[in-house]
Amino acid sequence: LDFNPPAGVHSLLRRGNDELIASGIAGNALSAGDIAPHFILQ
């Protein structure tokens, strides 16, 4: 790509992804069967 980041960037991005997945935080998200919160936004 036009933008070529410094060495080590890709490993840090992968680390961030791996840690977020391993944290299990996605299990906190609402799922099918839940009632969606109402919202009013701009």
PDB file of all heavy atoms in Angstrom:
ATOM      1  N   LEU A   1       0.834  -1.192   0.000  1.00  0.00           N
ATOM      2  CA  LEU A   1       0.000   0.000   0.000  1.00  0.00           C
ATOM      3  C   LEU A   1       0.872   1.247   0.000  1.00  0.00           C
ATOM      4  O   LEU A   1       2.086   1.187   0.228  1.00  0.00           O
ATOM      5  CB  LEU A   1      -0.917  -0.004   1.227  1.00  0.00           C
ATOM      6  CG  LEU A   1      -1.836  -1.218   1.392  1.00  0.00           C
ATOM      7  CD1 LEU A   1      -2.675  -1.076   2.647  1.00  0.00           C
ATOM      8  CD2 LEU A   1      -2.718  -1.408   0.173  1.00  0.00           C
ATOM      9  N   ASP A   2       0.236   2.392  -0.258  1.00  0.00           N
ATOM     10  CA  ASP A   2       0.987   3.652  -0.252  1.00  0.00           C
ATOM     11  C   ASP A   2       1.610   3.905   1.116  1.00  0.00           C
ATOM     12  O   ASP A   2       2.698   4.461   1.224  1.00  0.00           O
ATOM     13  CB  ASP A   2       0.065   4.816  -0.626  1.00  0.00           C
ATOM     14  CG  ASP A   2      -0.381   4.763  -2.073  1.00  0.00           C
ATOM     15  OD1 ASP A   2       0.314   4.108  -2.883  1.00  0.00           O
ATOM     16  OD2 ASP A   2      -1.428   5.343  -2.394  1.00  0.00           O
ATOM     17  N   PHE A   3       0.880   3.492   2.154  1.00  0.00           N
ATOM     18  CA  PHE A   3       1.386   3.670   3.516  1.00  0.00           C
ATOM     19  C   PHE A   3       2.064   2.388   3.967  1.00  0.00           C
ATOM     20  O   PHE A   3       1.447   1.330   3.997  1.00  0.00           O
ATOM     21  CB  PHE A   3       0.237   4.012   4.466  1.00  0.00           C
ATOM     22  CG  PHE A   3       0.629   3.962   5.921  1.00  0.00           C
ATOM     23  CD1 PHE A   3       1.539   4.877   6.432  1.00  0.00           C
ATOM     24  CD2 PHE A   3       0.106   3.000   6.762  1.00  0.00           C
ATOM     25  CE1 PHE A   3       1.912   4.824   7.769  1.00  0.00           C
ATOM     26  CE2 PHE A   3       0.463   2.948   8.096  1.00  0.00           C
ATOM     27  CZ  PHE A   3       1.371   3.869   8.601  1.00  0.00           C
ATOM     28  N   ASN A   4       3.339   2.484   4.303  1.00  0.00           N
ATOM     29  CA  ASN A   4       4.102   1.314   4.750  1.00  0.00           C
ATOM     30  C   ASN A   4       4.552   1.563   6.185  1.00  0.00           C
ATOM     31  O   ASN A   4       5.472   2.338   6.431  1.00  0.00           O
ATOM     32  CB  ASN A   4       5.318   1.085   3.847  1.00  0.00           C
ATOM     33  CG  ASN A   4       5.942  -0.276   4.054  1.00  0.00           C
ATOM     34  OD1 ASN A   4       5.355  -1.126   4.723  1.00  0.00           O
ATOM     35  ND2 ASN A   4       7.113  -0.481   3.500  1.00  0.00           N
ATOM     36  N   PRO A   5       3.899   0.933   7.169  1.00  0.00           N
ATOM     37  CA  PRO A   5       4.193   1.231   8.578  1.00  0.00           C
ATOM     38  C   PRO A   5       5.542   0.683   9.014  1.00  0.00           C
ATOM     39  O   PRO A   5       6.121  -0.183   8.349  1.00  0.00           O
ATOM     40  CB  PRO A   5       3.047   0.524   9.312  1.00  0.00           C
ATOM     41  CG  PRO A   5       2.671  -0.600   8.420  1.00  0.00           C
ATOM     42  CD  PRO A   5       2.859  -0.088   7.018  1.00  0.00           C
ATOM     43  N   PRO A   6       6.056   1.184  10.129  1.00  0.00           N
ATOM     44  CA  PRO A   6       7.347   0.703  10.650  1.00  0.00           C
ATOM     45  C   PRO A   6       7.285  -0.775  11.018  1.00  0.00           C
ATOM     46  O   PRO A   6       6.213  -1.352  11.237  1.00  0.00           O
ATOM     47  CB  PRO A   6       7.571   1.571  11.904  1.00  0.00           C
ATOM     48  CG  PRO A   6       6.643   2.723  11.759  1.00  0.00           C
ATOM     49  CD  PRO A   6       5.487   2.255  10.956  1.00  0.00           C
ATOM     50  N   ALA A   7       8.462  -1.380  11.094  1.00  0.00           N
ATOM     51  CA  ALA A   7       8.554  -2.789  11.484  1.00  0.00           C
ATOM     52  C   ALA A   7       7.947  -2.980  12.876  1.00  0.00           C
ATOM     53  O   ALA A   7       8.075  -2.130  13.750  1.00  0.00           O
ATOM     54  CB  ALA A   7      10.015  -3.231  11.476  1.00  0.00           C
ATOM     55  N   GLY A   8       7.290  -4.089  13.062  1.00  0.00           N
ATOM     56  CA  GLY A   8       6.704  -4.402  14.359  1.00  0.00           C
ATOM     57  C   GLY A   8       5.248  -4.028  14.490  1.00  0.00           C
ATOM     58  O   GLY A   8       4.569  -4.492  15.422  1.00  0.00           O
ATOM     59  N   VAL A   9       4.750  -3.200  13.581  1.00  0.00           N
ATOM     60  CA  VAL A   9       3.360  -2.760  13.673  1.00  0.00           C
ATOM     61  C   VAL A   9       2.401  -3.937  13.520  1.00  0.00           C
ATOM     62  O   VAL A   9       1.440  -4.086  14.288  1.00  0.00           O
ATOM     63  CB  VAL A   9       3.062  -1.682  12.610  1.00  0.00           C
ATOM     64  CG1 VAL A   9       1.553  -1.526  12.397  1.00  0.00           C
ATOM     65  CG2 VAL A   9       3.656  -0.340  13.040  1.00  0.00           C
ATOM     66  N   HIS A  10       2.663  -4.787  12.538  1.00  0.00           N
ATOM     67  CA  HIS A  10       1.734  -5.882  12.257  1.00  0.00           C
ATOM     68  C   HIS A  10       1.648  -6.864  13.426  1.00  0.00           C
ATOM     69  O   HIS A  10       0.564  -7.368  13.747  1.00  0.00           O
ATOM     70  CB  HIS A  10       2.149  -6.612  10.983  1.00  0.00           C
ATOM     71  CG  HIS A  10       2.174  -5.725   9.777  1.00  0.00           C
ATOM     72  ND1 HIS A  10       1.060  -5.043   9.338  1.00  0.00           N
ATOM     73  CD2 HIS A  10       3.179  -5.378   8.923  1.00  0.00           C
ATOM     74  CE1 HIS A  10       1.370  -4.331   8.263  1.00  0.00           C
ATOM     75  NE2 HIS A  10       2.646  -4.528   8.004  1.00  0.00           N
ATOM     76  N   SER A  11       2.785  -7.116  14.068  1.00  0.00           N
ATOM     77  CA  SER A  11       2.757  -8.047  15.199  1.00  0.00           C
ATOM     78  C   SER A  11       1.970  -7.459  16.366  1.00  0.00           C
ATOM     79  O   SER A  11       1.263  -8.181  17.087  1.00  0.00           O
ATOM     80  CB  SER A  11       4.181  -8.392  15.644  1.00  0.00           C
ATOM     81  OG  SER A  11       4.875  -7.234  16.087  1.00  0.00           O
ATOM     82  N   LEU A  12       2.051  -6.139  16.556  1.00  0.00           N
ATOM     83  CA  LEU A  12       1.280  -5.500  17.625  1.00  0.00           C
ATOM     84  C   LEU A  12      -0.214  -5.530  17.325  1.00  0.00           C
ATOM     85  O   LEU A  12      -1.039  -5.741  18.225  1.00  0.00           O
ATOM     86  CB  LEU A  12       1.750  -4.055  17.828  1.00  0.00           C
ATOM     87  CG  LEU A  12       3.105  -3.870  18.510  1.00  0.00           C
ATOM     88  CD1 LEU A  12       3.482  -2.396  18.550  1.00  0.00           C
ATOM     89  CD2 LEU A  12       3.088  -4.446  19.922  1.00  0.00           C
ATOM     90  N   LEU A  13      -0.581  -5.317  16.053  1.00  0.00           N
ATOM     91  CA  LEU A  13      -1.993  -5.385  15.684  1.00  0.00           C
ATOM     92  C   LEU A  13      -2.537  -6.796  15.891  1.00  0.00           C
ATOM     93  O   LEU A  13      -3.653  -6.975  16.399  1.00  0.00           O
ATOM     94  CB  LEU A  13      -2.172  -4.955  14.231  1.00  0.00           C
ATOM     95  CG  LEU A  13      -1.939  -3.470  13.937  1.00  0.00           C
ATOM     96  CD1 LEU A  13      -1.992  -3.213  12.431  1.00  0.00           C
ATOM     97  CD2 LEU A  13      -2.961  -2.599  14.654  1.00  0.00           C
ATOM     98  N   ARG A  14      -1.738  -7.789  15.510  1.00  0.00           N
ATOM     99  CA  ARG A  14      -2.175  -9.174  15.722  1.00  0.00           C
ATOM    100  C   ARG A  14      -2.297  -9.483  17.206  1.00  0.00           C
ATOM    101  O   ARG A  14      -3.233 -10.170  17.638  1.00  0.00           O
ATOM    102  CB  ARG A  14      -1.206 -10.136  15.036  1.00  0.00           C
ATOM    103  CG  ARG A  14      -1.343 -10.172  13.512  1.00  0.00           C
ATOM    104  CD  ARG A  14      -0.580 -11.341  12.922  1.00  0.00           C
ATOM    105  NE  ARG A  14       0.861 -11.161  13.062  1.00  0.00           N
ATOM    106  CZ  ARG A  14       1.622 -10.572  12.155  1.00  0.00           C
ATOM    107  NH1 ARG A  14       1.096 -10.102  11.028  1.00  0.00           N
ATOM    108  NH2 ARG A  14       2.923 -10.451  12.341  1.00  0.00           N
ATOM    109  N   ARG A  15      -1.364  -8.963  17.997  1.00  0.00           N
ATOM    110  CA  ARG A  15      -1.424  -9.173  19.440  1.00  0.00           C
ATOM    111  C   ARG A  15      -2.707  -8.575  20.012  1.00  0.00           C
ATOM    112  O   ARG A  15      -3.394  -9.212  20.842  1.00  0.00           O
ATOM    113  CB  ARG A  15      -0.202  -8.534  20.111  1.00  0.00           C
ATOM    114  CG  ARG A  15      -0.238  -8.577  21.637  1.00  0.00           C
ATOM    115  CD  ARG A  15       0.928  -7.796  22.224  1.00  0.00           C
ATOM    116  NE  ARG A  15       0.752  -7.547  23.649  1.00  0.00           N
ATOM    117  CZ  ARG A  15       1.540  -6.732  24.372  1.00  0.00           C
ATOM    118  NH1 ARG A  15       2.555  -6.094  23.784  1.00  0.00           N
ATOM    119  NH2 ARG A  15       1.308  -6.551  25.659  1.00  0.00           N
ATOM    120  N   GLY A  16      -3.050  -7.366  19.588  1.00  0.00           N
ATOM    121  CA  GLY A  16      -4.271  -6.732  20.077  1.00  0.00           C
ATOM    122  C   GLY A  16      -5.504  -7.545  19.738  1.00  0.00           C
ATOM    123  O   GLY A  16      -6.400  -7.714  20.570  1.00  0.00           O
ATOM    124  N   ASN A  17      -5.548  -8.057  18.502  1.00  0.00           N
ATOM    125  CA  ASN A  17      -6.673  -8.897  18.095  1.00  0.00           C
ATOM    126  C   ASN A  17      -6.748 -10.170  18.930  1.00  0.00           C
ATOM    127  O   ASN A  17      -7.810 -10.556  19.420  1.00  0.00           O
ATOM    128  CB  ASN A  17      -6.531  -9.269  16.614  1.00  0.00           C
ATOM    129  CG  ASN A  17      -7.452  -8.454  15.728  1.00  0.00           C
ATOM    130  OD1 ASN A  17      -8.288  -7.700  16.205  1.00  0.00           O
ATOM    131  ND2 ASN A  17      -7.300  -8.607  14.428  1.00  0.00           N
ATOM    132  N   ASP A  18      -5.599 -10.829  19.071  1.00  0.00           N
ATOM    133  CA  ASP A  18      -5.569 -12.098  19.808  1.00  0.00           C
ATOM    134  C   ASP A  18      -5.998 -11.907  21.260  1.00  0.00           C
ATOM    135  O   ASP A  18      -6.737 -12.737  21.818  1.00  0.00           O
ATOM    136  CB  ASP A  18      -4.167 -12.706  19.754  1.00  0.00           C
ATOM    137  CG  ASP A  18      -3.784 -13.188  18.355  1.00  0.00           C
ATOM    138  OD1 ASP A  18      -4.679 -13.334  17.506  1.00  0.00           O
ATOM    139  OD2 ASP A  18      -2.577 -13.410  18.109  1.00  0.00           O
ATOM    140  N   GLU A  19      -5.545 -10.816  21.874  1.00  0.00           N
ATOM    141  CA  GLU A  19      -5.890 -10.572  23.273  1.00  0.00           C
ATOM    142  C   GLU A  19      -7.369 -10.269  23.438  1.00  0.00           C
ATOM    143  O   GLU A  19      -8.006 -10.715  24.409  1.00  0.00           O
ATOM    144  CB  GLU A  19      -5.036  -9.428  23.826  1.00  0.00           C
ATOM    145  CG  GLU A  19      -3.572  -9.794  24.018  1.00  0.00           C
ATOM    146  CD  GLU A  19      -2.731  -8.638  24.534  1.00  0.00           C
ATOM    147  OE1 GLU A  19      -3.245  -7.493  24.595  1.00  0.00           O
ATOM    148  OE2 GLU A  19      -1.559  -8.877  24.861  1.00  0.00           O
ATOM    149  N   LEU A  20      -7.937  -9.511  22.500  1.00  0.00           N
ATOM    150  CA  LEU A  20      -9.357  -9.189  22.604  1.00  0.00           C
ATOM    151  C   LEU A  20     -10.209 -10.444  22.427  1.00  0.00           C
ATOM    152  O   LEU A  20     -11.182 -10.655  23.154  1.00  0.00           O
ATOM    153  CB  LEU A  20      -9.737  -8.140  21.556  1.00  0.00           C
ATOM    154  CG  LEU A  20     -11.132  -7.522  21.706  1.00  0.00           C
ATOM    155  CD1 LEU A  20     -11.275  -6.799  23.037  1.00  0.00           C
ATOM    156  CD2 LEU A  20     -11.435  -6.578  20.556  1.00  0.00           C
ATOM    157  N   ILE A  21      -9.831 -11.289  21.491  1.00  0.00           N
ATOM    158  CA  ILE A  21     -10.557 -12.546  21.287  1.00  0.00           C
ATOM    159  C   ILE A  21     -10.459 -13.416  22.539  1.00  0.00           C
ATOM    160  O   ILE A  21     -11.462 -13.960  23.026  1.00  0.00           O
ATOM    161  CB  ILE A  21     -10.009 -13.293  20.061  1.00  0.00           C
ATOM    162  CG1 ILE A  21     -10.305 -12.501  18.780  1.00  0.00           C
ATOM    163  CG2 ILE A  21     -10.607 -14.694  19.970  1.00  0.00           C
ATOM    164  CD1 ILE A  21      -9.568 -13.012  17.571  1.00  0.00           C
ATOM    165  N   ALA A  22      -9.233 -13.529  23.075  1.00  0.00           N
ATOM    166  CA  ALA A  22      -9.009 -14.394  24.235  1.00  0.00           C
ATOM    167  C   ALA A  22      -9.728 -13.874  25.481  1.00  0.00           C
ATOM    168  O   ALA A  22     -10.069 -14.666  26.377  1.00  0.00           O
ATOM    169  CB  ALA A  22      -7.518 -14.521  24.519  1.00  0.00           C
ATOM    170  N   SER A  23      -9.991 -12.576  25.536  1.00  0.00           N
ATOM    171  CA  SER A  23     -10.649 -12.003  26.710  1.00  0.00           C
ATOM    172  C   SER A  23     -12.092 -12.491  26.857  1.00  0.00           C
ATOM    173  O   SER A  23     -12.675 -12.409  27.947  1.00  0.00           O
ATOM    174  CB  SER A  23     -10.658 -10.471  26.619  1.00  0.00           C
ATOM    175  OG  SER A  23     -11.588 -10.010  25.648  1.00  0.00           O
ATOM    176  N   GLY A  24     -12.664 -12.964  25.758  1.00  0.00           N
ATOM    177  CA  GLY A  24     -14.050 -13.417  25.797  1.00  0.00           C
ATOM    178  C   GLY A  24     -15.063 -12.293  25.867  1.00  0.00           C
ATOM    179  O   GLY A  24     -16.251 -12.541  26.121  1.00  0.00           O
ATOM    180  N   ILE A  25     -14.625 -11.066  25.605  1.00  0.00           N
ATOM    181  CA  ILE A  25     -15.517  -9.918  25.756  1.00  0.00           C
ATOM    182  C   ILE A  25     -16.685  -9.970  24.784  1.00  0.00           C
ATOM    183  O   ILE A  25     -17.761  -9.412  25.053  1.00  0.00           O
ATOM    184  CB  ILE A  25     -14.714  -8.606  25.598  1.00  0.00           C
ATOM    185  CG1 ILE A  25     -15.533  -7.409  26.093  1.00  0.00           C
ATOM    186  CG2 ILE A  25     -14.282  -8.401  24.148  1.00  0.00           C
ATOM    187  CD1 ILE A  25     -14.745  -6.124  26.160  1.00  0.00           C
ATOM    188  N   ALA A  26     -16.500 -10.661  23.666  1.00  0.00           N
ATOM    189  CA  ALA A  26     -17.604 -10.754  22.706  1.00  0.00           C
ATOM    190  C   ALA A  26     -18.811 -11.457  23.316  1.00  0.00           C
ATOM    191  O   ALA A  26     -19.949 -11.254  22.873  1.00  0.00           O
ATOM    192  CB  ALA A  26     -17.141 -11.485  21.444  1.00  0.00           C
ATOM    193  N   GLY A  27     -18.566 -12.254  24.361  1.00  0.00           N
ATOM    194  CA  GLY A  27     -19.668 -12.927  25.039  1.00  0.00           C
ATOM    195  C   GLY A  27     -20.571 -11.984  25.801  1.00  0.00           C
ATOM    196  O   GLY A  27     -21.669 -12.371  26.232  1.00  0.00           O
ATOM    197  N   ASN A  28     -20.128 -10.731  25.999  1.00  0.00           N
ATOM    198  CA  ASN A  28     -20.955  -9.737  26.690  1.00  0.00           C
ATOM    199  C   ASN A  28     -21.994  -9.106  25.768  1.00  0.00           C
ATOM    200  O   ASN A  28     -22.912  -8.431  26.243  1.00  0.00           O
ATOM    201  CB  ASN A  28     -20.079  -8.616  27.257  1.00  0.00           C
ATOM    202  CG  ASN A  28     -19.118  -9.107  28.329  1.00  0.00           C
ATOM    203  OD1 ASN A  28     -19.376 -10.121  28.971  1.00  0.00           O
ATOM    204  ND2 ASN A  28     -18.006  -8.396  28.510  1.00  0.00           N
ATOM    205  N   ALA A  29     -21.820  -9.289  24.457  1.00  0.00           N
ATOM    206  CA  ALA A  29     -22.698  -8.623  23.497  1.00  0.00           C
ATOM    207  C   ALA A  29     -24.091  -9.246  23.499  1.00  0.00           C
ATOM    208  O   ALA A  29     -24.259 -10.435  23.802  1.00  0.00           O
ATOM    209  CB  ALA A  29     -22.088  -8.701  22.103  1.00  0.00           C
ATOM    210  N   LEU A  30     -25.066  -8.435  23.159  1.00  0.00           N
ATOM    211  CA  LEU A  30     -26.420  -8.948  23.009  1.00  0.00           C
ATOM    212  C   LEU A  30     -26.457  -9.976  21.885  1.00  0.00           C
ATOM    213  O   LEU A  30     -25.664  -9.921  20.946  1.00  0.00           O
ATOM    214  CB  LEU A  30     -27.389  -7.812  22.707  1.00  0.00           C
ATOM    215  CG  LEU A  30     -27.544  -6.732  23.788  1.00  0.00           C
ATOM    216  CD1 LEU A  30     -28.631  -5.739  23.385  1.00  0.00           C
ATOM    217  CD2 LEU A  30     -27.862  -7.349  25.143  1.00  0.00           C
ATOM    218  N   SER A  31     -27.390 -10.886  21.981  1.00  0.00           N
ATOM    219  CA  SER A  31     -27.481 -11.963  20.997  1.00  0.00           C
ATOM    220  C   SER A  31     -28.925 -12.153  20.566  1.00  0.00           C
ATOM    221  O   SER A  31     -29.845 -11.493  21.087  1.00  0.00           O
ATOM    222  CB  SER A  31     -26.908 -13.262  21.573  1.00  0.00           C
ATOM    223  OG  SER A  31     -27.595 -13.641  22.756  1.00  0.00           O
ATOM    224  N   ALA A  32     -29.139 -13.055  19.623  1.00  0.00           N
ATOM    225  CA  ALA A  32     -30.489 -13.331  19.131  1.00  0.00           C
ATOM    226  C   ALA A  32     -31.394 -13.749  20.289  1.00  0.00           C
ATOM    227  O   ALA A  32     -31.010 -14.560  21.134  1.00  0.00           O
ATOM    228  CB  ALA A  32     -30.439 -14.414  18.066  1.00  0.00           C
ATOM    229  N   GLY A  33     -32.560 -13.157  20.333  1.00  0.00           N
ATOM    230  CA  GLY A  33     -33.510 -13.414  21.417  1.00  0.00           C
ATOM    231  C   GLY A  33     -33.566 -12.300  22.432  1.00  0.00           C
ATOM    232  O   GLY A  33     -34.572 -12.154  23.153  1.00  0.00           O
ATOM    233  N   ASP A  34     -32.495 -11.493  22.529  1.00  0.00           N
ATOM    234  CA  ASP A  34     -32.502 -10.339  23.431  1.00  0.00           C
ATOM    235  C   ASP A  34     -33.338  -9.204  22.837  1.00  0.00           C
ATOM    236  O   ASP A  34     -33.541  -9.121  21.615  1.00  0.00           O
ATOM    237  CB  ASP A  34     -31.073  -9.830  23.667  1.00  0.00           C
ATOM    238  CG  ASP A  34     -30.235 -10.802  24.483  1.00  0.00           C
ATOM    239  OD1 ASP A  34     -30.812 -11.532  25.306  1.00  0.00           O
ATOM    240  OD2 ASP A  34     -29.004 -10.841  24.280  1.00  0.00           O
ATOM    241  N   ILE A  35     -33.796  -8.322  23.696  1.00  0.00           N
ATOM    242  CA  ILE A  35     -34.504  -7.124  23.254  1.00  0.00           C
ATOM    243  C   ILE A  35     -33.479  -6.014  23.035  1.00  0.00           C
ATOM    244  O   ILE A  35     -32.664  -5.724  23.915  1.00  0.00           O
ATOM    245  CB  ILE A  35     -35.555  -6.675  24.279  1.00  0.00           C
ATOM    246  CG1 ILE A  35     -36.601  -7.776  24.462  1.00  0.00           C
ATOM    247  CG2 ILE A  35     -36.223  -5.375  23.836  1.00  0.00           C
ATOM    248  CD1 ILE A  35     -37.363  -8.121  23.184  1.00  0.00           C
ATOM    249  N   ALA A  36     -33.534  -5.406  21.871  1.00  0.00           N
ATOM    250  CA  ALA A  36     -32.575  -4.351  21.537  1.00  0.00           C
ATOM    251  C   ALA A  36     -32.902  -3.069  22.298  1.00  0.00           C
ATOM    252  O   ALA A  36     -34.075  -2.689  22.396  1.00  0.00           O
ATOM    253  CB  ALA A  36     -32.589  -4.079  20.038  1.00  0.00           C
ATOM    254  N   PRO A  37     -31.892  -2.420  22.845  1.00  0.00           N
ATOM    255  CA  PRO A  37     -32.132  -1.129  23.503  1.00  0.00           C
ATOM    256  C   PRO A  37     -32.606  -0.096  22.483  1.00  0.00           C
ATOM    257  O   PRO A  37     -32.145  -0.078  21.338  1.00  0.00           O
ATOM    258  CB  PRO A  37     -30.747  -0.753  24.060  1.00  0.00           C
ATOM    259  CG  PRO A  37     -29.937  -2.000  24.004  1.00  0.00           C
ATOM    260  CD  PRO A  37     -30.469  -2.811  22.886  1.00  0.00           C
ATOM    261  N   HIS A  38     -33.529   0.746  22.887  1.00  0.00           N
ATOM    262  CA  HIS A  38     -33.936   1.861  22.030  1.00  0.00           C
ATOM    263  C   HIS A  38     -32.851   2.938  22.075  1.00  0.00           C
ATOM    264  O   HIS A  38     -32.150   3.106  23.076  1.00  0.00           O
ATOM    265  CB  HIS A  38     -35.264   2.449  22.498  1.00  0.00           C
ATOM    266  CG  HIS A  38     -36.438   1.564  22.227  1.00  0.00           C
ATOM    267  ND1 HIS A  38     -36.763   1.124  20.967  1.00  0.00           N
ATOM    268  CD2 HIS A  38     -37.376   1.042  23.055  1.00  0.00           C
ATOM    269  CE1 HIS A  38     -37.839   0.372  21.019  1.00  0.00           C
ATOM    270  NE2 HIS A  38     -38.232   0.291  22.278  1.00  0.00           N
ATOM    271  N   PHE A  39     -32.721   3.674  20.984  1.00  0.00           N
ATOM    272  CA  PHE A  39     -31.747   4.766  20.951  1.00  0.00           C
ATOM    273  C   PHE A  39     -32.276   5.905  20.091  1.00  0.00           C
ATOM    274  O   PHE A  39     -33.109   5.714  19.190  1.00  0.00           O
ATOM    275  CB  PHE A  39     -30.392   4.289  20.424  1.00  0.00           C
ATOM    276  CG  PHE A  39     -30.421   3.653  19.058  1.00  0.00           C
ATOM    277  CD1 PHE A  39     -30.423   4.425  17.895  1.00  0.00           C
ATOM    278  CD2 PHE A  39     -30.446   2.274  18.923  1.00  0.00           C
ATOM    279  CE1 PHE A  39     -30.446   3.838  16.643  1.00  0.00           C
ATOM    280  CE2 PHE A  39     -30.460   1.664  17.668  1.00  0.00           C
ATOM    281  CZ  PHE A  39     -30.471   2.452  16.528  1.00  0.00           C
ATOM    282  N   ILE A  40     -31.814   7.095  20.419  1.00  0.00           N
ATOM    283  CA  ILE A  40     -32.078   8.299  19.639  1.00  0.00           C
ATOM    284  C   ILE A  40     -30.729   8.979  19.436  1.00  0.00           C
ATOM    285  O   ILE A  40     -30.090   9.408  20.405  1.00  0.00           O
ATOM    286  CB  ILE A  40     -33.064   9.248  20.347  1.00  0.00           C
ATOM    287  CG1 ILE A  40     -34.411   8.564  20.576  1.00  0.00           C
ATOM    288  CG2 ILE A  40     -33.253  10.524  19.533  1.00  0.00           C
ATOM    289  CD1 ILE A  40     -35.391   9.410  21.382  1.00  0.00           C
ATOM    290  N   LEU A  41     -30.287   9.065  18.188  1.00  0.00           N
ATOM    291  CA  LEU A  41     -28.967   9.607  17.871  1.00  0.00           C
ATOM    292  C   LEU A  41     -29.079  10.600  16.720  1.00  0.00           C
ATOM    293  O   LEU A  41     -30.079  10.632  16.001  1.00  0.00           O
ATOM    294  CB  LEU A  41     -28.004   8.479  17.485  1.00  0.00           C
ATOM    295  CG  LEU A  41     -27.680   7.436  18.558  1.00  0.00           C
ATOM    296  CD1 LEU A  41     -26.856   6.306  17.960  1.00  0.00           C
ATOM    297  CD2 LEU A  41     -26.944   8.070  19.735  1.00  0.00           C
ATOM    298  N   GLN A  42     -28.014  11.365  16.528  1.00  0.00           N
ATOM    299  CA  GLN A  42     -27.965  12.308  15.416  1.00  0.00           C
ATOM    300  C   GLN A  42     -27.207  11.707  14.241  1.00  0.00           C
ATOM    301  O   GLN A  42     -26.189  11.023  14.418  1.00  0.00           O
ATOM    302  CB  GLN A  42     -27.282  13.607  15.838  1.00  0.00           C
ATOM    303  CG  GLN A  42     -28.162  14.538  16.653  1.00  0.00           C
ATOM    304  CD  GLN A  42     -27.576  15.938  16.754  1.00  0.00           C
ATOM    305  OE1 GLN A  42     -26.381  16.127  16.650  1.00  0.00           O
ATOM    306  NE2 GLN A  42     -28.437  16.920  16.951  1.00  0.00           N
TER     307      GLN A  42
END
